[in-house]
Amino acid sequence: MGVSGSGKSTVGAALAQRLRVPFADADDLHPEANIAKMSRGEALDDHDRYPWLERVGAWLAEHPDGGVMSCSALKRKYRDQLRHHAPGTEFVLLAGNREVIERRQASRPGHFMPASLLTSQLATLEPLEPDEGGLVLDVNQSVDEIVEGYVRA
């Protein structure tokens, strides 16, 4: 989980490979209307996110033996919605300062999520709370180091 550009897809795919479990990217589950809205530089609201999170939660529920899903899951209520489908879900918050995230975003031209939405995502992000299953990993390190940090934890 994390803001756009934090490395969710790259780290998620590497983690799934390391754990030998399926991987999916929640971006691939967005309805076309959501992609169009974000492409116009408009932030999604909770109404937009609800059906998308239902699809993500269904995927998680279909993989009770393990899987990795990259998903922003910025708010506690979004994570609660996912846990409703898959109660054992653990979250990995990929955290980094604005400069690191902006640099990462600049290296992926053509992504439907414009860098201009970073401010709204950072404002929306609710860090993991102590009662939520998960951990926080710094994105200002290599993908291998991030994956190793998860495995160690």
Protein backbone atom coordinates (compact mmCIF):
# COMPACT_ATOMS: atom_id res chain seq x y z
CA MET A 1 0.00 0.00 0.00
CA GLY A 2 1.01 3.61 -0.45
CA VAL A 3 0.71 6.61 -2.68
CA SER A 4 1.15 6.48 -6.42
CA GLY A 5 4.83 6.17 -7.25
CA SER A 6 5.84 4.50 -3.99
CA GLY A 7 6.75 1.30 -5.81
CA LYS A 8 3.73 -0.86 -4.97
CA SER A 9 3.66 -2.71 -8.29
CA THR A 10 7.41 -3.27 -8.54
CA VAL A 11 7.84 -4.29 -4.92
CA GLY A 12 4.64 -6.34 -4.94
CA ALA A 13 5.69 -8.35 -7.98
CA ALA A 14 9.14 -8.97 -6.48
CA LEU A 15 7.65 -9.97 -3.14
CA ALA A 16 5.17 -12.36 -4.76
CA GLN A 17 7.99 -13.95 -6.71
CA ARG A 18 10.07 -14.34 -3.55
CA LEU A 19 7.12 -15.85 -1.64
CA ARG A 20 6.01 -17.92 -4.66
CA VAL A 21 2.43 -16.65 -4.52
CA PRO A 22 0.21 -14.96 -7.13
CA PHE A 23 0.49 -11.23 -7.73
CA ALA A 24 -2.10 -8.73 -8.94
CA ASP A 25 -2.09 -4.98 -9.36
CA ALA A 26 -5.21 -3.20 -8.13
CA ASP A 27 -4.73 -0.61 -10.89
CA ASP A 28 -5.79 -3.33 -13.33
CA LEU A 29 -9.11 -3.67 -11.49
CA HIS A 30 -10.19 -0.03 -11.76
CA PRO A 31 -13.38 0.57 -13.73
CA GLU A 32 -12.80 2.58 -16.91
CA ALA A 33 -14.59 5.58 -15.36
CA ASN A 34 -12.00 5.71 -12.56
CA ILE A 35 -9.09 5.56 -15.00
CA ALA A 36 -10.65 8.31 -17.10
CA LYS A 37 -11.18 10.49 -14.03
CA MET A 38 -7.61 10.07 -12.80
CA SER A 39 -6.26 10.61 -16.32
CA ARG A 40 -7.99 14.01 -16.29
CA GLY A 41 -6.12 14.82 -13.06
CA GLU A 42 -9.20 14.41 -10.87
CA ALA A 43 -8.88 12.60 -7.55
CA LEU A 44 -11.19 9.67 -6.89
CA ASP A 45 -13.72 9.99 -4.11
CA ASP A 46 -15.01 7.25 -1.82
CA HIS A 47 -17.94 6.59 -4.15
CA ASP A 48 -15.51 5.94 -7.01
CA ARG A 49 -13.29 3.72 -4.89
CA TYR A 50 -16.00 1.49 -3.38
CA PRO A 51 -16.62 -0.89 -6.35
CA TRP A 52 -12.90 -0.98 -7.09
CA LEU A 53 -12.08 -1.99 -3.51
CA GLU A 54 -14.79 -4.64 -3.72
CA ARG A 55 -12.97 -6.15 -6.72
CA VAL A 56 -9.66 -6.00 -4.86
CA GLY A 57 -11.21 -7.61 -1.78
CA ALA A 58 -12.74 -10.38 -3.90
CA TRP A 59 -9.30 -11.15 -5.38
CA LEU A 60 -7.80 -11.34 -1.90
CA ALA A 61 -10.60 -13.65 -0.76
CA GLU A 62 -9.95 -15.91 -3.78
CA HIS A 63 -6.35 -16.42 -2.59
CA PRO A 64 -6.64 -17.67 1.00
CA ASP A 65 -3.31 -19.49 0.75
CA GLY A 66 -1.47 -16.30 -0.09
CA GLY A 67 -1.09 -13.64 -2.68
CA VAL A 68 0.25 -10.14 -3.08
CA MET A 69 -1.95 -7.29 -4.27
CA SER A 70 -0.55 -3.82 -4.89
CA CYS A 71 -3.22 -1.36 -3.81
CA SER A 72 -3.07 2.20 -2.50
CA ALA A 73 -5.38 1.43 0.48
CA LEU A 74 -4.79 4.98 1.67
CA LYS A 75 -7.49 5.17 4.34
CA ARG A 76 -8.24 2.92 7.28
CA LYS A 77 -11.81 2.45 6.04
CA TYR A 78 -10.49 1.18 2.69
CA ARG A 79 -8.28 -1.33 4.48
CA ASP A 80 -11.25 -2.34 6.64
CA GLN A 81 -13.26 -2.93 3.45
CA LEU A 82 -10.49 -5.21 2.15
CA ARG A 83 -10.25 -7.06 5.48
CA HIS A 84 -14.01 -7.62 5.35
CA HIS A 85 -13.35 -9.90 2.37
CA ALA A 86 -10.03 -11.32 3.58
CA PRO A 87 -9.67 -10.91 7.36
CA GLY A 88 -6.08 -12.13 7.45
CA THR A 89 -4.80 -9.45 5.09
CA GLU A 90 -1.51 -7.88 6.12
CA PHE A 91 -0.48 -4.48 4.80
CA VAL A 92 2.96 -3.20 3.88
CA LEU A 93 3.04 0.59 3.74
CA LEU A 94 5.72 1.73 1.32
CA ALA A 95 6.62 5.10 2.79
CA GLY A 96 8.94 7.78 1.55
CA ASN A 97 9.34 11.51 1.54
CA ARG A 98 7.77 13.63 -1.18
CA GLU A 99 11.05 14.12 -3.08
CA VAL A 100 11.67 10.37 -3.37
CA ILE A 101 8.11 9.72 -4.55
CA GLU A 102 8.24 12.57 -7.08
CA ARG A 103 11.50 11.19 -8.48
CA ARG A 104 9.90 7.75 -8.84
CA GLN A 105 6.82 9.19 -10.52
CA ALA A 106 8.97 11.07 -13.03
CA SER A 107 10.56 7.79 -14.10
CA ARG A 108 7.27 6.28 -15.31
CA PRO A 109 5.92 8.42 -18.15
CA GLY A 110 2.54 7.55 -19.56
CA HIS A 111 1.05 6.16 -16.34
CA PHE A 112 -2.64 7.07 -16.07
CA MET A 113 -2.12 8.52 -12.59
CA PRO A 114 -0.59 11.96 -13.09
CA ALA A 115 2.02 13.23 -10.65
CA SER A 116 -0.26 16.20 -9.96
CA LEU A 117 -2.43 13.96 -7.76
CA LEU A 118 0.42 13.22 -5.34
CA THR A 119 -0.59 16.09 -3.04
CA SER A 120 -4.13 14.75 -2.65
CA GLN A 121 -2.84 11.22 -2.09
CA LEU A 122 -0.40 12.35 0.60
CA ALA A 123 -3.22 14.29 2.28
CA THR A 124 -5.50 11.24 2.13
CA LEU A 125 -2.93 8.71 3.41
CA GLU A 126 -3.75 7.41 6.89
CA PRO A 127 -0.76 5.50 8.28
CA LEU A 128 -1.26 1.99 9.61
CA GLU A 129 -2.67 1.98 13.11
CA PRO A 130 -1.24 -0.26 15.86
CA ASP A 131 -4.21 -2.66 15.68
CA GLU A 132 -3.79 -3.21 11.92
CA GLY A 133 -1.72 -6.12 10.69
CA GLY A 134 1.24 -4.77 8.81
CA LEU A 135 4.49 -2.91 8.72
CA VAL A 136 6.05 0.20 7.24
CA LEU A 137 9.05 -0.03 4.92
CA ASP A 138 11.10 2.88 3.57
CA VAL A 139 11.06 3.11 -0.24
CA ASN A 140 14.39 4.92 -0.33
CA GLN A 141 16.23 1.64 -0.79
CA SER A 142 16.46 -1.03 -3.47
CA VAL A 143 13.57 -3.33 -4.29
CA ASP A 144 15.62 -6.28 -3.01
CA GLU A 145 16.24 -4.49 0.29
CA ILE A 146 12.54 -3.73 0.69
CA VAL A 147 11.57 -7.35 -0.02
CA GLU A 148 14.26 -8.56 2.39
CA GLY A 149 12.93 -6.16 5.02
CA TYR A 150 9.49 -7.73 4.70
CA VAL A 151 10.86 -11.28 4.85
CA ARG A 152 12.93 -10.45 7.96
CA ALA A 153 9.93 -8.86 9.68
